[in-house]
Amino acid sequence: MKRNPLSLLFAIVALALAVCFWRWFHAGLSQMEIADRLNHEFTVGAYAVTWLIQLGYLALLSRKWLSMKRRQDR
């Protein structure tokens, strides 16, 4: 069975959110504190995903550039 990388990413994010909610529930935080922390977590997550996409694209471009350079040298 071939695994889809997006499903693995979704599972990791779901597990991380479950752990955060469990910690917040046992810390006795109010609804407003949980909302503030969740807002921060989503903002950090959005920035992380954006950087991953940009760095992945940069890696793809660099591999293509190296491939073209090697073909020219032959």
PDB file of N, CA and C in Angstrom:
ATOM      1  N   MET A   1       0.841  -1.169   0.000  1.00  0.00           N
ATOM      2  CA  MET A   1       0.000   0.000   0.000  1.00  0.00           C
ATOM      3  C   MET A   1       0.893   1.242   0.000  1.00  0.00           C
ATOM      4  N   LYS A   2       0.615   2.159  -0.929  1.00  0.00           N
ATOM      5  CA  LYS A   2       1.398   3.379  -1.037  1.00  0.00           C
ATOM      6  C   LYS A   2       0.819   4.432  -0.098  1.00  0.00           C
ATOM      7  N   ARG A   3       1.691   5.083   0.654  1.00  0.00           N
ATOM      8  CA  ARG A   3       1.229   6.085   1.611  1.00  0.00           C
ATOM      9  C   ARG A   3       1.268   7.473   0.993  1.00  0.00           C
ATOM     10  N   ASN A   4       0.272   8.238   1.286  1.00  0.00           N
ATOM     11  CA  ASN A   4       0.181   9.603   0.807  1.00  0.00           C
ATOM     12  C   ASN A   4       0.840  10.527   1.829  1.00  0.00           C
ATOM     13  N   PRO A   5       1.804  11.386   1.426  1.00  0.00           N
ATOM     14  CA  PRO A   5       2.463  12.263   2.389  1.00  0.00           C
ATOM     15  C   PRO A   5       1.513  13.262   3.034  1.00  0.00           C
ATOM     16  N   LEU A   6       0.457  13.660   2.318  1.00  0.00           N
ATOM     17  CA  LEU A   6      -0.487  14.599   2.914  1.00  0.00           C
ATOM     18  C   LEU A   6      -1.275  13.965   4.053  1.00  0.00           C
ATOM     19  N   SER A   7      -1.592  12.685   3.940  1.00  0.00           N
ATOM     20  CA  SER A   7      -2.315  12.025   5.022  1.00  0.00           C
ATOM     21  C   SER A   7      -1.419  11.895   6.256  1.00  0.00           C
ATOM     22  N   LEU A   8      -0.132  11.675   6.037  1.00  0.00           N
ATOM     23  CA  LEU A   8       0.806  11.624   7.165  1.00  0.00           C
ATOM     24  C   LEU A   8       0.906  12.988   7.829  1.00  0.00           C
ATOM     25  N   LEU A   9       0.984  14.054   7.036  1.00  0.00           N
ATOM     26  CA  LEU A   9       1.026  15.406   7.586  1.00  0.00           C
ATOM     27  C   LEU A   9      -0.244  15.710   8.366  1.00  0.00           C
ATOM     28  N   PHE A  10      -1.399  15.319   7.828  1.00  0.00           N
ATOM     29  CA  PHE A  10      -2.665  15.544   8.521  1.00  0.00           C
ATOM     30  C   PHE A  10      -2.695  14.803   9.851  1.00  0.00           C
ATOM     31  N   ALA A  11      -2.198  13.569   9.870  1.00  0.00           N
ATOM     32  CA  ALA A  11      -2.181  12.786  11.106  1.00  0.00           C
ATOM     33  C   ALA A  11      -1.275  13.438  12.145  1.00  0.00           C
ATOM     34  N   ILE A  12      -0.129  13.958  11.722  1.00  0.00           N
ATOM     35  CA  ILE A  12       0.786  14.608  12.662  1.00  0.00           C
ATOM     36  C   ILE A  12       0.162  15.877  13.238  1.00  0.00           C
ATOM     37  N   VAL A  13      -0.494  16.664  12.381  1.00  0.00           N
ATOM     38  CA  VAL A  13      -1.146  17.892  12.849  1.00  0.00           C
ATOM     39  C   VAL A  13      -2.284  17.553  13.808  1.00  0.00           C
ATOM     40  N   ALA A  14      -3.074  16.545  13.484  1.00  0.00           N
ATOM     41  CA  ALA A  14      -4.179  16.150  14.354  1.00  0.00           C
ATOM     42  C   ALA A  14      -3.662  15.671  15.712  1.00  0.00           C
ATOM     43  N   LEU A  15      -2.581  14.906  15.702  1.00  0.00           N
ATOM     44  CA  LEU A  15      -2.000  14.441  16.959  1.00  0.00           C
ATOM     45  C   LEU A  15      -1.461  15.604  17.780  1.00  0.00           C
ATOM     46  N   ALA A  16      -0.801  16.558  17.121  1.00  0.00           N
ATOM     47  CA  ALA A  16      -0.263  17.723  17.834  1.00  0.00           C
ATOM     48  C   ALA A  16      -1.391  18.545  18.453  1.00  0.00           C
ATOM     49  N   LEU A  17      -2.491  18.739  17.710  1.00  0.00           N
ATOM     50  CA  LEU A  17      -3.624  19.476  18.267  1.00  0.00           C
ATOM     51  C   LEU A  17      -4.264  18.735  19.433  1.00  0.00           C
ATOM     52  N   ALA A  18      -4.361  17.421  19.325  1.00  0.00           N
ATOM     53  CA  ALA A  18      -4.933  16.639  20.424  1.00  0.00           C
ATOM     54  C   ALA A  18      -4.081  16.763  21.681  1.00  0.00           C
ATOM     55  N   VAL A  19      -2.764  16.730  21.519  1.00  0.00           N
ATOM     56  CA  VAL A  19      -1.868  16.879  22.674  1.00  0.00           C
ATOM     57  C   VAL A  19      -2.014  18.268  23.280  1.00  0.00           C
ATOM     58  N   CYS A  20      -2.108  19.309  22.431  1.00  0.00           N
ATOM     59  CA  CYS A  20      -2.277  20.673  22.945  1.00  0.00           C
ATOM     60  C   CYS A  20      -3.581  20.814  23.721  1.00  0.00           C
ATOM     61  N   PHE A  21      -4.679  20.302  23.157  1.00  0.00           N
ATOM     62  CA  PHE A  21      -5.957  20.389  23.859  1.00  0.00           C
ATOM     63  C   PHE A  21      -5.915  19.626  25.176  1.00  0.00           C
ATOM     64  N   TRP A  22      -5.270  18.467  25.195  1.00  0.00           N
ATOM     65  CA  TRP A  22      -5.187  17.689  26.428  1.00  0.00           C
ATOM     66  C   TRP A  22      -4.410  18.453  27.492  1.00  0.00           C
ATOM     67  N   ARG A  23      -3.288  19.069  27.090  1.00  0.00           N
ATOM     68  CA  ARG A  23      -2.491  19.849  28.044  1.00  0.00           C
ATOM     69  C   ARG A  23      -3.277  21.034  28.570  1.00  0.00           C
ATOM     70  N   TRP A  24      -3.994  21.742  27.662  1.00  0.00           N
ATOM     71  CA  TRP A  24      -4.754  22.907  28.076  1.00  0.00           C
ATOM     72  C   TRP A  24      -5.918  22.518  28.978  1.00  0.00           C
ATOM     73  N   PHE A  25      -6.559  21.392  28.719  1.00  0.00           N
ATOM     74  CA  PHE A  25      -7.678  20.945  29.538  1.00  0.00           C
ATOM     75  C   PHE A  25      -7.216  20.632  30.954  1.00  0.00           C
ATOM     76  N   HIS A  26      -6.069  19.975  31.061  1.00  0.00           N
ATOM     77  CA  HIS A  26      -5.566  19.609  32.383  1.00  0.00           C
ATOM     78  C   HIS A  26      -4.869  20.771  33.088  1.00  0.00           C
ATOM     79  N   ALA A  27      -4.575  21.841  32.379  1.00  0.00           N
ATOM     80  CA  ALA A  27      -3.966  23.016  33.009  1.00  0.00           C
ATOM     81  C   ALA A  27      -5.028  23.921  33.629  1.00  0.00           C
ATOM     82  N   GLY A  28      -6.294  23.671  33.356  1.00  0.00           N
ATOM     83  CA  GLY A  28      -7.373  24.463  33.930  1.00  0.00           C
ATOM     84  C   GLY A  28      -7.470  25.854  33.315  1.00  0.00           C
ATOM     85  N   LEU A  29      -7.219  25.981  32.040  1.00  0.00           N
ATOM     86  CA  LEU A  29      -7.281  27.282  31.380  1.00  0.00           C
ATOM     87  C   LEU A  29      -8.721  27.656  31.058  1.00  0.00           C
ATOM     88  N   SER A  30      -8.969  28.959  30.999  1.00  0.00           N
ATOM     89  CA  SER A  30     -10.307  29.430  30.632  1.00  0.00           C
ATOM     90  C   SER A  30     -10.475  29.326  29.118  1.00  0.00           C
ATOM     91  N   GLN A  31     -11.700  29.512  28.658  1.00  0.00           N
ATOM     92  CA  GLN A  31     -11.987  29.431  27.225  1.00  0.00           C
ATOM     93  C   GLN A  31     -11.217  30.502  26.442  1.00  0.00           C
ATOM     94  N   MET A  32     -11.082  31.690  27.028  1.00  0.00           N
ATOM     95  CA  MET A  32     -10.383  32.776  26.343  1.00  0.00           C
ATOM     96  C   MET A  32      -8.893  32.478  26.217  1.00  0.00           C
ATOM     97  N   GLU A  33      -8.302  31.917  27.260  1.00  0.00           N
ATOM     98  CA  GLU A  33      -6.879  31.569  27.202  1.00  0.00           C
ATOM     99  C   GLU A  33      -6.630  30.473  26.169  1.00  0.00           C
ATOM    100  N   ILE A  34      -7.537  29.509  26.103  1.00  0.00           N
ATOM    101  CA  ILE A  34      -7.408  28.441  25.108  1.00  0.00           C
ATOM    102  C   ILE A  34      -7.534  29.022  23.700  1.00  0.00           C
ATOM    103  N   ALA A  35      -8.480  29.939  23.504  1.00  0.00           N
ATOM    104  CA  ALA A  35      -8.658  30.554  22.186  1.00  0.00           C
ATOM    105  C   ALA A  35      -7.418  31.350  21.784  1.00  0.00           C
ATOM    106  N   ASP A  36      -6.831  32.086  22.724  1.00  0.00           N
ATOM    107  CA  ASP A  36      -5.616  32.854  22.428  1.00  0.00           C
ATOM    108  C   ASP A  36      -4.461  31.933  22.054  1.00  0.00           C
ATOM    109  N   ARG A  37      -4.291  30.876  22.800  1.00  0.00           N
ATOM    110  CA  ARG A  37      -3.204  29.940  22.499  1.00  0.00           C
ATOM    111  C   ARG A  37      -3.429  29.231  21.173  1.00  0.00           C
ATOM    112  N   LEU A  38      -4.671  28.855  20.900  1.00  0.00           N
ATOM    113  CA  LEU A  38      -4.985  28.178  19.645  1.00  0.00           C
ATOM    114  C   LEU A  38      -4.748  29.106  18.464  1.00  0.00           C
ATOM    115  N   ASN A  39      -5.107  30.365  18.608  1.00  0.00           N
ATOM    116  CA  ASN A  39      -4.859  31.350  17.559  1.00  0.00           C
ATOM    117  C   ASN A  39      -3.355  31.457  17.297  1.00  0.00           C
ATOM    118  N   HIS A  40      -2.569  31.479  18.342  1.00  0.00           N
ATOM    119  CA  HIS A  40      -1.110  31.540  18.197  1.00  0.00           C
ATOM    120  C   HIS A  40      -0.577  30.276  17.519  1.00  0.00           C
ATOM    121  N   GLU A  41      -1.097  29.113  17.932  1.00  0.00           N
ATOM    122  CA  GLU A  41      -0.638  27.852  17.346  1.00  0.00           C
ATOM    123  C   GLU A  41      -0.932  27.808  15.842  1.00  0.00           C
ATOM    124  N   PHE A  42      -2.120  28.263  15.434  1.00  0.00           N
ATOM    125  CA  PHE A  42      -2.460  28.251  14.014  1.00  0.00           C
ATOM    126  C   PHE A  42      -1.601  29.237  13.228  1.00  0.00           C
ATOM    127  N   THR A  43      -1.295  30.386  13.825  1.00  0.00           N
ATOM    128  CA  THR A  43      -0.440  31.365  13.152  1.00  0.00           C
ATOM    129  C   THR A  43       0.953  30.804  12.944  1.00  0.00           C
ATOM    130  N   VAL A  44       1.517  30.208  13.978  1.00  0.00           N
ATOM    131  CA  VAL A  44       2.846  29.602  13.863  1.00  0.00           C
ATOM    132  C   VAL A  44       2.818  28.459  12.852  1.00  0.00           C
ATOM    133  N   GLY A  45       1.778  27.652  12.884  1.00  0.00           N
ATOM    134  CA  GLY A  45       1.651  26.547  11.936  1.00  0.00           C
ATOM    135  C   GLY A  45       1.551  27.041  10.495  1.00  0.00           C
ATOM    136  N   ALA A  46       0.811  28.120  10.286  1.00  0.00           N
ATOM    137  CA  ALA A  46       0.684  28.670   8.934  1.00  0.00           C
ATOM    138  C   ALA A  46       2.027  29.170   8.426  1.00  0.00           C
ATOM    139  N   TYR A  47       2.781  29.839   9.284  1.00  0.00           N
ATOM    140  CA  TYR A  47       4.110  30.299   8.874  1.00  0.00           C
ATOM    141  C   TYR A  47       5.030  29.116   8.586  1.00  0.00           C
ATOM    142  N   ALA A  48       4.962  28.078   9.395  1.00  0.00           N
ATOM    143  CA  ALA A  48       5.812  26.904   9.189  1.00  0.00           C
ATOM    144  C   ALA A  48       5.490  26.217   7.859  1.00  0.00           C
ATOM    145  N   VAL A  49       4.209  26.062   7.557  1.00  0.00           N
ATOM    146  CA  VAL A  49       3.812  25.432   6.304  1.00  0.00           C
ATOM    147  C   VAL A  49       4.254  26.287   5.118  1.00  0.00           C
ATOM    148  N   THR A  50       4.109  27.601   5.237  1.00  0.00           N
ATOM    149  CA  THR A  50       4.531  28.498   4.161  1.00  0.00           C
ATOM    150  C   THR A  50       6.028  28.375   3.902  1.00  0.00           C
ATOM    151  N   TRP A  51       6.819  28.365   4.968  1.00  0.00           N
ATOM    152  CA  TRP A  51       8.266  28.218   4.807  1.00  0.00           C
ATOM    153  C   TRP A  51       8.626  26.863   4.222  1.00  0.00           C
ATOM    154  N   LEU A  52       7.933  25.801   4.629  1.00  0.00           N
ATOM    155  CA  LEU A  52       8.199  24.486   4.062  1.00  0.00           C
ATOM    156  C   LEU A  52       7.914  24.439   2.567  1.00  0.00           C
ATOM    157  N   ILE A  53       6.837  25.050   2.156  1.00  0.00           N
ATOM    158  CA  ILE A  53       6.500  25.083   0.734  1.00  0.00           C
ATOM    159  C   ILE A  53       7.560  25.863  -0.039  1.00  0.00           C
ATOM    160  N   GLN A  54       7.953  27.017   0.488  1.00  0.00           N
ATOM    161  CA  GLN A  54       8.950  27.829  -0.214  1.00  0.00           C
ATOM    162  C   GLN A  54      10.298  27.130  -0.282  1.00  0.00           C
ATOM    163  N   LEU A  55      10.733  26.517   0.805  1.00  0.00           N
ATOM    164  CA  LEU A  55      12.019  25.816   0.802  1.00  0.00           C
ATOM    165  C   LEU A  55      11.972  24.574  -0.090  1.00  0.00           C
ATOM    166  N   GLY A  56      10.823  23.894  -0.122  1.00  0.00           N
ATOM    167  CA  GLY A  56      10.669  22.750  -1.013  1.00  0.00           C
ATOM    168  C   GLY A  56      10.750  23.169  -2.469  1.00  0.00           C
ATOM    169  N   TYR A  57      10.137  24.294  -2.797  1.00  0.00           N
ATOM    170  CA  TYR A  57      10.202  24.798  -4.168  1.00  0.00           C
ATOM    171  C   TYR A  57      11.630  25.210  -4.529  1.00  0.00           C
ATOM    172  N   LEU A  58      12.329  25.826  -3.586  1.00  0.00           N
ATOM    173  CA  LEU A  58      13.723  26.191  -3.809  1.00  0.00           C
ATOM    174  C   LEU A  58      14.584  24.951  -4.048  1.00  0.00           C
ATOM    175  N   ALA A  59      14.335  23.902  -3.286  1.00  0.00           N
ATOM    176  CA  ALA A  59      15.082  22.650  -3.482  1.00  0.00           C
ATOM    177  C   ALA A  59      14.779  22.052  -4.855  1.00  0.00           C
ATOM    178  N   LEU A  60      13.521  22.105  -5.266  1.00  0.00           N
ATOM    179  CA  LEU A  60      13.144  21.593  -6.584  1.00  0.00           C
ATOM    180  C   LEU A  60      13.837  22.378  -7.701  1.00  0.00           C
ATOM    181  N   LEU A  61      13.843  23.692  -7.581  1.00  0.00           N
ATOM    182  CA  LEU A  61      14.511  24.516  -8.586  1.00  0.00           C
ATOM    183  C   LEU A  61      16.013  24.259  -8.614  1.00  0.00           C
ATOM    184  N   SER A  62      16.623  24.091  -7.454  1.00  0.00           N
ATOM    185  CA  SER A  62      18.066  23.848  -7.423  1.00  0.00           C
ATOM    186  C   SER A  62      18.410  22.491  -8.040  1.00  0.00           C
ATOM    187  N   ARG A  63      17.568  21.482  -7.816  1.00  0.00           N
ATOM    188  CA  ARG A  63      17.810  20.175  -8.451  1.00  0.00           C
ATOM    189  C   ARG A  63      17.686  20.262  -9.962  1.00  0.00           C
ATOM    190  N   LYS A  64      16.685  20.994 -10.442  1.00  0.00           N
ATOM    191  CA  LYS A  64      16.533  21.164 -11.885  1.00  0.00           C
ATOM    192  C   LYS A  64      17.717  21.927 -12.464  1.00  0.00           C
ATOM    193  N   TRP A  65      18.178  22.956 -11.759  1.00  0.00           N
ATOM    194  CA  TRP A  65      19.306  23.750 -12.239  1.00  0.00           C
ATOM    195  C   TRP A  65      20.571  22.896 -12.295  1.00  0.00           C
ATOM    196  N   LEU A  66      20.805  22.091 -11.260  1.00  0.00           N
ATOM    197  CA  LEU A  66      21.978  21.220 -11.265  1.00  0.00           C
ATOM    198  C   LEU A  66      21.897  20.183 -12.392  1.00  0.00           C
ATOM    199  N   SER A  67      20.707  19.665 -12.637  1.00  0.00           N
ATOM    200  CA  SER A  67      20.522  18.702 -13.716  1.00  0.00           C
ATOM    201  C   SER A  67      20.832  19.333 -15.075  1.00  0.00           C
ATOM    202  N   MET A  68      20.354  20.542 -15.292  1.00  0.00           N
ATOM    203  CA  MET A  68      20.635  21.243 -16.536  1.00  0.00           C
ATOM    204  C   MET A  68      22.129  21.544 -16.672  1.00  0.00           C
ATOM    205  N   LYS A  69      22.759  21.936 -15.597  1.00  0.00           N
ATOM    206  CA  LYS A  69      24.183  22.246 -15.614  1.00  0.00           C
ATOM    207  C   LYS A  69      25.010  21.003 -15.943  1.00  0.00           C
ATOM    208  N   ARG A  70      24.638  19.853 -15.390  1.00  0.00           N
ATOM    209  CA  ARG A  70      25.347  18.610 -15.658  1.00  0.00           C
ATOM    210  C   ARG A  70      25.188  18.192 -17.124  1.00  0.00           C
ATOM    211  N   ARG A  71      23.991  18.404 -17.699  1.00  0.00           N
ATOM    212  CA  ARG A  71      23.764  18.075 -19.100  1.00  0.00           C
ATOM    213  C   ARG A  71      24.588  18.963 -20.020  1.00  0.00           C
ATOM    214  N   GLN A  72      24.774  20.209 -19.653  1.00  0.00           N
ATOM    215  CA  GLN A  72      25.593  21.108 -20.472  1.00  0.00           C
ATOM    216  C   GLN A  72      27.065  20.711 -20.430  1.00  0.00           C
ATOM    217  N   ASP A  73      27.523  20.220 -19.277  1.00  0.00           N
ATOM    218  CA  ASP A  73      28.926  19.838 -19.128  1.00  0.00           C
ATOM    219  C   ASP A  73      29.274  18.587 -19.932  1.00  0.00           C
ATOM    220  N   ARG A  74      28.304  17.781 -20.281  1.00  0.00           N
ATOM    221  CA  ARG A  74      28.580  16.529 -21.014  1.00  0.00           C
ATOM    222  C   ARG A  74      28.885  16.756 -22.442  1.00  0.00           C
TER     223      ARG A  74
END
